[in-house]
Amino acid sequence: ESAEYGLASPRSLGSATAMVSVIVADVDEHYERASGQDANIIYPPVDQPYGYREYSARDLEGHLWSFMKPLE
């Protein structure tokens, strides 16, 4: 957090205002590793109607991350 630069943690705000999407080689393998490390999983891998298989998790500050791969 930085008042000087107008930066705040989602935890402080009580809401995330953005998310990060990361393309990974194998969504299910990535999910299994993250789950094994007690990641805060929001939803497990699912095929989305917009053409990606993805799952989402939150980091310790509350940022939302989606890990995805295009459906083949």
C-alpha atoms as a PDB file:
ATOM      1  CA  GLU A   1       0.000   0.000   0.000  1.00  0.00           C
ATOM      2  CA  SER A   2       1.142   3.518  -0.717  1.00  0.00           C
ATOM      3  CA  ALA A   3      -0.843   6.675  -0.024  1.00  0.00           C
ATOM      4  CA  GLU A   4       1.649   8.607  -2.139  1.00  0.00           C
ATOM      5  CA  TYR A   5       0.799   6.512  -5.239  1.00  0.00           C
ATOM      6  CA  GLY A   6      -2.852   5.854  -4.371  1.00  0.00           C
ATOM      7  CA  LEU A   7      -2.311   2.117  -3.886  1.00  0.00           C
ATOM      8  CA  ALA A   8      -4.396   0.052  -1.466  1.00  0.00           C
ATOM      9  CA  SER A   9      -4.705  -3.641  -0.748  1.00  0.00           C
ATOM     10  CA  PRO A  10      -7.983  -5.372  -1.649  1.00  0.00           C
ATOM     11  CA  ARG A  11      -7.966  -6.586   1.947  1.00  0.00           C
ATOM     12  CA  SER A  12      -8.027  -2.957   3.170  1.00  0.00           C
ATOM     13  CA  LEU A  13     -10.653  -1.924   0.624  1.00  0.00           C
ATOM     14  CA  GLY A  14     -12.843  -4.969   1.171  1.00  0.00           C
ATOM     15  CA  SER A  15     -13.031  -5.512  -2.580  1.00  0.00           C
ATOM     16  CA  ALA A  16     -10.772  -6.337  -5.515  1.00  0.00           C
ATOM     17  CA  THR A  17     -10.831  -3.771  -8.315  1.00  0.00           C
ATOM     18  CA  ALA A  18      -8.873  -5.779 -10.868  1.00  0.00           C
ATOM     19  CA  MET A  19      -7.745  -9.323 -11.572  1.00  0.00           C
ATOM     20  CA  VAL A  20      -4.767 -11.055 -13.115  1.00  0.00           C
ATOM     21  CA  SER A  21      -5.109 -13.716 -15.819  1.00  0.00           C
ATOM     22  CA  VAL A  22      -2.225 -16.094 -16.428  1.00  0.00           C
ATOM     23  CA  ILE A  23      -1.956 -18.587 -19.294  1.00  0.00           C
ATOM     24  CA  VAL A  24      -0.549 -21.913 -18.050  1.00  0.00           C
ATOM     25  CA  ALA A  25       0.410 -25.093 -19.916  1.00  0.00           C
ATOM     26  CA  ASP A  26      -1.870 -27.389 -17.888  1.00  0.00           C
ATOM     27  CA  VAL A  27      -4.704 -25.875 -15.850  1.00  0.00           C
ATOM     28  CA  ASP A  28      -5.539 -29.070 -13.966  1.00  0.00           C
ATOM     29  CA  GLU A  29      -1.920 -29.737 -12.976  1.00  0.00           C
ATOM     30  CA  HIS A  30      -1.495 -26.111 -11.875  1.00  0.00           C
ATOM     31  CA  TYR A  31      -4.706 -26.363  -9.831  1.00  0.00           C
ATOM     32  CA  GLU A  32      -3.529 -29.579  -8.127  1.00  0.00           C
ATOM     33  CA  ARG A  33      -0.229 -27.949  -7.130  1.00  0.00           C
ATOM     34  CA  ALA A  34      -1.984 -24.827  -5.839  1.00  0.00           C
ATOM     35  CA  SER A  35      -4.559 -26.873  -3.938  1.00  0.00           C
ATOM     36  CA  GLY A  36      -1.764 -28.902  -2.366  1.00  0.00           C
ATOM     37  CA  GLN A  37      -0.283 -25.673  -1.014  1.00  0.00           C
ATOM     38  CA  ASP A  38      -3.590 -24.620   0.612  1.00  0.00           C
ATOM     39  CA  ALA A  39      -4.265 -21.878  -1.926  1.00  0.00           C
ATOM     40  CA  ASN A  40      -7.515 -19.950  -1.463  1.00  0.00           C
ATOM     41  CA  ILE A  41      -9.310 -21.492  -4.453  1.00  0.00           C
ATOM     42  CA  ILE A  42     -12.432 -19.617  -5.547  1.00  0.00           C
ATOM     43  CA  TYR A  43     -13.567 -22.239  -8.072  1.00  0.00           C
ATOM     44  CA  PRO A  44     -11.949 -25.387  -9.499  1.00  0.00           C
ATOM     45  CA  PRO A  45     -11.034 -25.891 -13.172  1.00  0.00           C
ATOM     46  CA  VAL A  46     -13.990 -25.509 -15.498  1.00  0.00           C
ATOM     47  CA  ASP A  47     -14.457 -25.153 -19.250  1.00  0.00           C
ATOM     48  CA  GLN A  48     -15.822 -21.673 -19.861  1.00  0.00           C
ATOM     49  CA  PRO A  49     -18.207 -20.829 -22.712  1.00  0.00           C
ATOM     50  CA  TYR A  50     -15.736 -18.201 -23.943  1.00  0.00           C
ATOM     51  CA  GLY A  51     -13.210 -20.887 -24.931  1.00  0.00           C
ATOM     52  CA  TYR A  52     -10.888 -21.311 -21.928  1.00  0.00           C
ATOM     53  CA  ARG A  53     -10.419 -23.869 -19.187  1.00  0.00           C
ATOM     54  CA  GLU A  54      -9.671 -21.967 -15.996  1.00  0.00           C
ATOM     55  CA  TYR A  55      -9.746 -21.812 -12.222  1.00  0.00           C
ATOM     56  CA  SER A  56      -9.468 -18.848  -9.892  1.00  0.00           C
ATOM     57  CA  ALA A  57      -7.788 -18.184  -6.566  1.00  0.00           C
ATOM     58  CA  ARG A  58      -7.119 -15.233  -4.273  1.00  0.00           C
ATOM     59  CA  ASP A  59      -3.700 -14.297  -2.951  1.00  0.00           C
ATOM     60  CA  LEU A  60      -3.010 -13.290   0.647  1.00  0.00           C
ATOM     61  CA  GLU A  61      -3.961  -9.653  -0.038  1.00  0.00           C
ATOM     62  CA  GLY A  62      -7.227 -10.578  -1.766  1.00  0.00           C
ATOM     63  CA  HIS A  63      -6.207 -10.111  -5.407  1.00  0.00           C
ATOM     64  CA  LEU A  64      -8.109 -12.409  -7.783  1.00  0.00           C
ATOM     65  CA  TRP A  65      -6.027 -14.586 -10.097  1.00  0.00           C
ATOM     66  CA  SER A  66      -7.352 -16.728 -12.956  1.00  0.00           C
ATOM     67  CA  PHE A  67      -5.145 -19.456 -14.409  1.00  0.00           C
ATOM     68  CA  MET A  68      -6.270 -20.537 -17.856  1.00  0.00           C
ATOM     69  CA  LYS A  69      -5.565 -22.275 -21.128  1.00  0.00           C
ATOM     70  CA  PRO A  70      -7.479 -22.051 -24.418  1.00  0.00           C
ATOM     71  CA  LEU A  71      -9.717 -25.053 -25.076  1.00  0.00           C
ATOM     72  CA  GLU A  72      -8.497 -27.180 -27.942  1.00  0.00           C
END
